[in-house]
């Protein structure tokens, strides 16, 4: 149950921000960004929960050499290879990828908001 706590806390944070947004009537993007950050914290600090994490860490170890890229999504392989220059730890490398994706989602939503694209229904 302790391994599951990070997921439960993350989901609780998302539901909390949804509830506060619904009760307050606030229609800005603050609660959306808080929810994205909460899920991002789960992605980065999830530990060894689930099978995907262990598989990605194992795959990161294999993809450090370009000769092992056959049959793997090229963008992921290049990203692992590039981030491998900054860390020798496969665990840290997978967490860095999670941070990059969360930052990309936040940056993309900010860019869309400035361009007049509504992300809400």
C-alpha atoms as a PDB file:
ATOM      1  CA  UNK A   1       0.000   0.000   0.000  1.00  0.00           C
ATOM      2  CA  UNK A   2       2.888   2.385   0.705  1.00  0.00           C
ATOM      3  CA  UNK A   3       4.054   2.150  -2.927  1.00  0.00           C
ATOM      4  CA  UNK A   4       0.590   3.211  -4.050  1.00  0.00           C
ATOM      5  CA  UNK A   5       0.551   6.320  -1.824  1.00  0.00           C
ATOM      6  CA  UNK A   6       2.215   8.584  -4.412  1.00  0.00           C
ATOM      7  CA  UNK A   7      -0.522   7.741  -6.919  1.00  0.00           C
ATOM      8  CA  UNK A   8      -3.284   8.321  -4.396  1.00  0.00           C
ATOM      9  CA  UNK A   9      -1.831  11.678  -3.337  1.00  0.00           C
ATOM     10  CA  UNK A  10      -1.463  12.762  -6.976  1.00  0.00           C
ATOM     11  CA  UNK A  11      -5.016  11.821  -7.886  1.00  0.00           C
ATOM     12  CA  UNK A  12      -6.315  13.474  -4.707  1.00  0.00           C
ATOM     13  CA  UNK A  13      -4.510  16.703  -5.657  1.00  0.00           C
ATOM     14  CA  UNK A  14      -6.063  16.656  -9.120  1.00  0.00           C
ATOM     15  CA  UNK A  15      -9.569  16.091  -7.733  1.00  0.00           C
ATOM     16  CA  UNK A  16      -8.999  18.807  -5.146  1.00  0.00           C
ATOM     17  CA  UNK A  17      -8.076  21.359  -7.812  1.00  0.00           C
ATOM     18  CA  UNK A  18     -11.094  20.321  -9.895  1.00  0.00           C
ATOM     19  CA  UNK A  19     -13.375  20.695  -6.859  1.00  0.00           C
ATOM     20  CA  UNK A  20     -11.992  24.108  -5.885  1.00  0.00           C
ATOM     21  CA  UNK A  21     -12.306  25.298  -9.481  1.00  0.00           C
ATOM     22  CA  UNK A  22     -15.913  24.092  -9.693  1.00  0.00           C
ATOM     23  CA  UNK A  23     -16.929  25.604  -6.350  1.00  0.00           C
ATOM     24  CA  UNK A  24     -15.170  28.932  -6.887  1.00  0.00           C
ATOM     25  CA  UNK A  25     -16.230  29.356 -10.511  1.00  0.00           C
ATOM     26  CA  UNK A  26     -12.669  30.316 -11.434  1.00  0.00           C
ATOM     27  CA  UNK A  27     -12.112  29.675 -15.145  1.00  0.00           C
ATOM     28  CA  UNK A  28      -8.413  30.475 -15.466  1.00  0.00           C
ATOM     29  CA  UNK A  29      -5.664  27.990 -16.148  1.00  0.00           C
ATOM     30  CA  UNK A  30      -4.169  27.978 -12.634  1.00  0.00           C
ATOM     31  CA  UNK A  31      -5.957  24.812 -11.533  1.00  0.00           C
ATOM     32  CA  UNK A  32      -5.098  23.050 -14.783  1.00  0.00           C
ATOM     33  CA  UNK A  33      -1.408  23.862 -14.310  1.00  0.00           C
ATOM     34  CA  UNK A  34      -1.541  22.732 -10.669  1.00  0.00           C
ATOM     35  CA  UNK A  35      -3.119  19.443 -11.781  1.00  0.00           C
ATOM     36  CA  UNK A  36      -0.459  18.922 -14.444  1.00  0.00           C
ATOM     37  CA  UNK A  37       2.283  19.607 -11.893  1.00  0.00           C
ATOM     38  CA  UNK A  38       0.661  17.178  -9.419  1.00  0.00           C
ATOM     39  CA  UNK A  39       0.625  14.401 -12.008  1.00  0.00           C
ATOM     40  CA  UNK A  40       4.190  15.374 -12.981  1.00  0.00           C
ATOM     41  CA  UNK A  41       5.302  14.939  -9.366  1.00  0.00           C
ATOM     42  CA  UNK A  42       3.770  11.462  -9.443  1.00  0.00           C
ATOM     43  CA  UNK A  43       5.629  10.675 -12.683  1.00  0.00           C
ATOM     44  CA  UNK A  44       8.969  11.807 -11.272  1.00  0.00           C
ATOM     45  CA  UNK A  45       8.758  10.440  -7.719  1.00  0.00           C
ATOM     46  CA  UNK A  46       6.817   7.229  -8.294  1.00  0.00           C
ATOM     47  CA  UNK A  47       9.713   4.972  -7.334  1.00  0.00           C
ATOM     48  CA  UNK A  48       9.612   1.377  -8.505  1.00  0.00           C
ATOM     49  CA  UNK A  49       5.826   1.147  -8.677  1.00  0.00           C
ATOM     50  CA  UNK A  50       4.432  -0.631 -11.714  1.00  0.00           C
ATOM     51  CA  UNK A  51       6.053  -2.533 -14.534  1.00  0.00           C
ATOM     52  CA  UNK A  52       6.413   0.376 -16.957  1.00  0.00           C
ATOM     53  CA  UNK A  53       9.002   2.155 -14.832  1.00  0.00           C
ATOM     54  CA  UNK A  54      11.276  -0.873 -14.629  1.00  0.00           C
ATOM     55  CA  UNK A  55      10.879  -1.533 -18.365  1.00  0.00           C
ATOM     56  CA  UNK A  56      11.749   2.059 -19.299  1.00  0.00           C
ATOM     57  CA  UNK A  57      14.776   2.008 -17.005  1.00  0.00           C
ATOM     58  CA  UNK A  58      15.963  -1.245 -18.570  1.00  0.00           C
ATOM     59  CA  UNK A  59      15.342   0.137 -22.059  1.00  0.00           C
ATOM     60  CA  UNK A  60      17.273   3.309 -21.181  1.00  0.00           C
ATOM     61  CA  UNK A  61      20.276   1.185 -20.280  1.00  0.00           C
ATOM     62  CA  UNK A  62      20.140  -0.587 -23.643  1.00  0.00           C
ATOM     63  CA  UNK A  63      19.594   2.563 -25.728  1.00  0.00           C
ATOM     64  CA  UNK A  64      22.731   4.332 -24.561  1.00  0.00           C
ATOM     65  CA  UNK A  65      24.518   2.788 -27.547  1.00  0.00           C
ATOM     66  CA  UNK A  66      23.107   3.660 -31.009  1.00  0.00           C
ATOM     67  CA  UNK A  67      23.815   0.111 -32.178  1.00  0.00           C
ATOM     68  CA  UNK A  68      20.878  -1.060 -30.010  1.00  0.00           C
ATOM     69  CA  UNK A  69      18.291   1.252 -31.596  1.00  0.00           C
ATOM     70  CA  UNK A  70      16.826  -1.256 -34.080  1.00  0.00           C
ATOM     71  CA  UNK A  71      13.059  -1.580 -33.679  1.00  0.00           C
ATOM     72  CA  UNK A  72      12.756   1.236 -31.136  1.00  0.00           C
ATOM     73  CA  UNK A  73      10.965   4.553 -31.606  1.00  0.00           C
ATOM     74  CA  UNK A  74      13.754   6.820 -32.936  1.00  0.00           C
ATOM     75  CA  UNK A  75      12.761   9.956 -31.006  1.00  0.00           C
ATOM     76  CA  UNK A  76      12.868   8.115 -27.687  1.00  0.00           C
ATOM     77  CA  UNK A  77      16.189   6.499 -28.589  1.00  0.00           C
ATOM     78  CA  UNK A  78      17.790   9.853 -29.461  1.00  0.00           C
ATOM     79  CA  UNK A  79      16.400  11.435 -26.294  1.00  0.00           C
ATOM     80  CA  UNK A  80      17.817   8.630 -24.127  1.00  0.00           C
ATOM     81  CA  UNK A  81      21.157   8.824 -25.915  1.00  0.00           C
ATOM     82  CA  UNK A  82      21.317  12.620 -25.473  1.00  0.00           C
ATOM     83  CA  UNK A  83      20.296  12.601 -21.797  1.00  0.00           C
ATOM     84  CA  UNK A  84      22.764   9.778 -21.205  1.00  0.00           C
ATOM     85  CA  UNK A  85      25.530  12.351 -21.605  1.00  0.00           C
ATOM     86  CA  UNK A  86      24.346  14.073 -18.422  1.00  0.00           C
ATOM     87  CA  UNK A  87      23.781  11.092 -16.131  1.00  0.00           C
ATOM     88  CA  UNK A  88      24.986   7.517 -15.809  1.00  0.00           C
ATOM     89  CA  UNK A  89      21.879   6.478 -13.867  1.00  0.00           C
ATOM     90  CA  UNK A  90      19.040   4.918 -15.848  1.00  0.00           C
ATOM     91  CA  UNK A  91      16.642   5.805 -13.024  1.00  0.00           C
ATOM     92  CA  UNK A  92      17.571   9.500 -13.170  1.00  0.00           C
ATOM     93  CA  UNK A  93      17.401   9.433 -16.965  1.00  0.00           C
ATOM     94  CA  UNK A  94      13.807   8.140 -16.970  1.00  0.00           C
ATOM     95  CA  UNK A  95      12.856  10.775 -14.370  1.00  0.00           C
ATOM     96  CA  UNK A  96      14.429  13.503 -16.533  1.00  0.00           C
ATOM     97  CA  UNK A  97      12.273  12.390 -19.452  1.00  0.00           C
ATOM     98  CA  UNK A  98       9.191  12.685 -17.223  1.00  0.00           C
ATOM     99  CA  UNK A  99      10.235  16.214 -16.196  1.00  0.00           C
ATOM    100  CA  UNK A 100      10.719  17.159 -19.847  1.00  0.00           C
ATOM    101  CA  UNK A 101       7.268  15.896 -20.815  1.00  0.00           C
ATOM    102  CA  UNK A 102       5.549  17.727 -17.952  1.00  0.00           C
ATOM    103  CA  UNK A 103       7.428  20.939 -18.798  1.00  0.00           C
ATOM    104  CA  UNK A 104       6.427  20.473 -22.447  1.00  0.00           C
ATOM    105  CA  UNK A 105       2.758  20.087 -21.537  1.00  0.00           C
ATOM    106  CA  UNK A 106       2.842  23.232 -19.399  1.00  0.00           C
ATOM    107  CA  UNK A 107       4.729  25.204 -22.067  1.00  0.00           C
ATOM    108  CA  UNK A 108       2.362  23.970 -24.772  1.00  0.00           C
ATOM    109  CA  UNK A 109      -0.711  24.986 -22.811  1.00  0.00           C
ATOM    110  CA  UNK A 110       0.794  28.420 -22.124  1.00  0.00           C
ATOM    111  CA  UNK A 111       1.633  28.850 -25.813  1.00  0.00           C
ATOM    112  CA  UNK A 112      -1.859  27.748 -26.861  1.00  0.00           C
ATOM    113  CA  UNK A 113      -3.402  30.228 -24.415  1.00  0.00           C
ATOM    114  CA  UNK A 114      -1.401  33.100 -25.879  1.00  0.00           C
ATOM    115  CA  UNK A 115      -2.426  32.075 -29.390  1.00  0.00           C
ATOM    116  CA  UNK A 116      -6.108  32.178 -28.460  1.00  0.00           C
ATOM    117  CA  UNK A 117      -6.604  28.407 -28.472  1.00  0.00           C
ATOM    118  CA  UNK A 118      -8.965  27.366 -25.700  1.00  0.00           C
ATOM    119  CA  UNK A 119      -8.054  24.170 -23.874  1.00  0.00           C
ATOM    120  CA  UNK A 120     -11.340  24.004 -21.988  1.00  0.00           C
ATOM    121  CA  UNK A 121     -14.652  22.565 -23.165  1.00  0.00           C
END
